[in-house]
Amino acid sequence: MRIKPKVLILIPIVLATVALSGCEFFVQTVAPTPTLVSAPPSQLQRPMVAVERGTLEEAVRMTGRVEANERSDLFFKAPGRIKVVNVRQGDEILAGEILAELETGGLESQLADAEKTLETAELRFKAADSGVAEEIQSAKEAVQIAEFDVIAKELALEKSKTGPTESQFASARATLIAAEATVESRQADIDAMAADHPRNIASAQATVEQRLIDLQAANDALRQLLEDGTPAESPLIDRSESAIVTLEAAIDTQQSVVYQVESDLNDLKNKPTPAQRLEADNAFEKAKLAHDAVMGGSGPLESKHQAQIVFREATRAYNDALAPASEAELRVAGNKVETEKARLLALQVQLRELLGEDERDMAVRRSANEARSAYDIRVEAAERSVRKAQLALQTAQINLEKVLSTAAMDNAKISLESSRANVTRAQTALDELNEGPDSQNIEIAENQLTVSQARLESAVRRLESLESGESASAINLTILRNARDQAQIRFDRLKEQQFENQIIAPFDGEITFVRGRPGDQIAAYQEIIGLANPSILVVEAVVPDVDQAKLAVGQIVDVTIDQFAGAVFVGKVEALPRTIVSSTGQAIRIPETKVIVDWTQPGVELGMLARLKIAVQVKENVLKIPRSAVRTVNQRQFVETVIGEQRRSLPVTTGINSDTEIEILDGLEEGMMVFSTP
């Protein structure tokens, strides 16, 4: 191969440089074939490693800090002098707390005055608004009333002109008849009261006496309970034990009943059984022999007729005994089985409720205690019975007083007189109908209609004035609304100024730093307080630019912390470096990569150093060598090896690499030996 002269001149220079400096690598400048060189003895003693196959994992490693997922650096929105700082680093605070304030001069008094002015304006506006609404509603009701009045006056005028109708005559006559009937009923009531007065007195007196007896009985029952006192424990235990034994015996008896009705049902299903058939055959044979004996004898005809009747009954009984059970019989027997089973279940449930989850002795004692508690309940019931009897006695005495007095009779007489007056009015109304139309009445009705129409027009004009907002009250409402709105604007403006002069905690958390003190002059948006919510901790790390392209949201991250030796926490990439727009409209670069971590152990705290490993890709069965064996010069990669005791450099093409190894895509074969850094 021909070599250019300038290349031949460079080779000795490079060899001389390597020999003089003792450098452990050889820079190849001739491509593409490897160059055979002689290596000094010192270089041949570098360690050599074999090219081997295996699994290679490329990962991005970095360090980060444990931070709160929710945190904020707080600031004032206005410049000024700090009046007070209410927190210190490490304080735990709640959302809404005022953390710091600026000096505001007379802002607080102005805000208080503005708030009072707003409240006054609001009250005046609401009162006026309510007044206008009430006026409009009143005007609407006045229009409706006027409309109804006009209709009524029109009907009255029409009635005056046409005279009464047949239905009006019928209604007037019916009213008169009803009034007369009421008079008769009231008179009958008075007569009955006069006749029954002595009997009513006797009945009321008897009721009072009976209520006295009932009250005495209730008092006796209460006194007896109190004299008996709370039952002793021993008899109650015996009684509870006896109740359980009785209930168990009842369950055994009912179980036998269930067995019997089930047996009866089975017999019906298998009817006739051999025993039933044998019994029926015997009964029928006896009846037949008796029948034949009577019919073959010389007895009277009446005896033979009776024998035939008996034989027919026996034949029917025989046929019934041999016939299978009917659906009705099976249904009745089945219902009886279900009924007896239900009774058995009820007894068993009663026993379970009595025993509960306790042992028998504990259940007995519990039942006894419940019985003792029931004594108090019986005492309360007896006391209620006494109060009820006292009330009943008072009611009976009041009723007796009413019967003895003459007030009822007087009221009845007053009602009678009122009913008679109704009869007179009804008769007068009927007489007026009989008189027919009256010109004077027609003129009066026309005048009344004219007045009603004028009232309606006035009511409509007033309603239209109110709804159009042209009334004095509507104009006043507009003025008050404007005053209210102006007061609200002034209050909101002062409130906004107050808000800008305060730092309020946006969420629960812990104070991470405080950079201001009372008296300090600060600028707007100057961060002076840090707040973090330690309930959710994440890891944030700055990834080198060269590795950022390898990351993606959702990648799994292995997280280790020095304070937790041997523990590996599993995380996931939540956010990559990004640019956001702040509340002030500024673009802010966030260089950190955020990792959400599943903290499986307690004790992780803010600020701890975390070591992160993100597996980018994993390849299996690849050729690989130590990273230190690959040299790079002028963006060309090569390795050094020995062939025939001669040192040679071989160009290679590499792939992914781990912390210690690199993938060889081309240039080497498995088993070859290459130089590595000692």
Foldseek 3Di string as FASTA:
>chain_A
DDDDVVVVVVVVVQVVVCVVVVDLDHDDDDDDDWDFDFDDPVNVPFDWDFWAFWKFFAWFWFWFFKAFPDKDFFFFQFFAFWAFAQDAFFDWDFFFDFGTFGDDPCLVVVLVVLVVLLVVLVVVLVVLVVVLVVLLVVLVVLLVVLVVLLVVLVVLLVCLVFFDDPVVLVVLVVLLVVLVVLLVVLVVVLVVLVVCLVVLLVVLVVLLVVLVVLLVVLVVVLVVLVVVPQDDLVVLLVVLVVVLVVLVVVLVVLVVVLVVLVVVLVCLQVAPDPVLLVVLVVQLVVLVVVLVVVVPDDDDPVVNVVSVVSNVVSVVVSVVRRDHHDPVVSVVSVVVSVVSVVVSVVSVVVSCVQCPPHDPSVSSSVSSVVVSVVSVVVSVVSVVSSVVSVVSSVVSVVSSVVSPDCVVSVVSVVSSVVSVVSSVVSVVVSVVSVVIRDPVSSVVSVVSSVVSVVSSVVSVVSSVCSVVQNDPSSVVSVVSVVSSVVSVVSSVVSVVVRSSRTTGRNGTFGKNRAADRRRDTDRRPDRGIMTRHNPFMKIKTAGDPVCLVLDDFFFKKWKDFPVDPPDTWIKTFHDAWDWDQDPVRDIDTDRITIIGTDPPDPDDDGGTMMMMMTGSDMDGGFTKDWPQQWDADPNWIWGWAADPSIIIIWTFDWDRHYPTMTTTPDTDDGGGMTRGGD
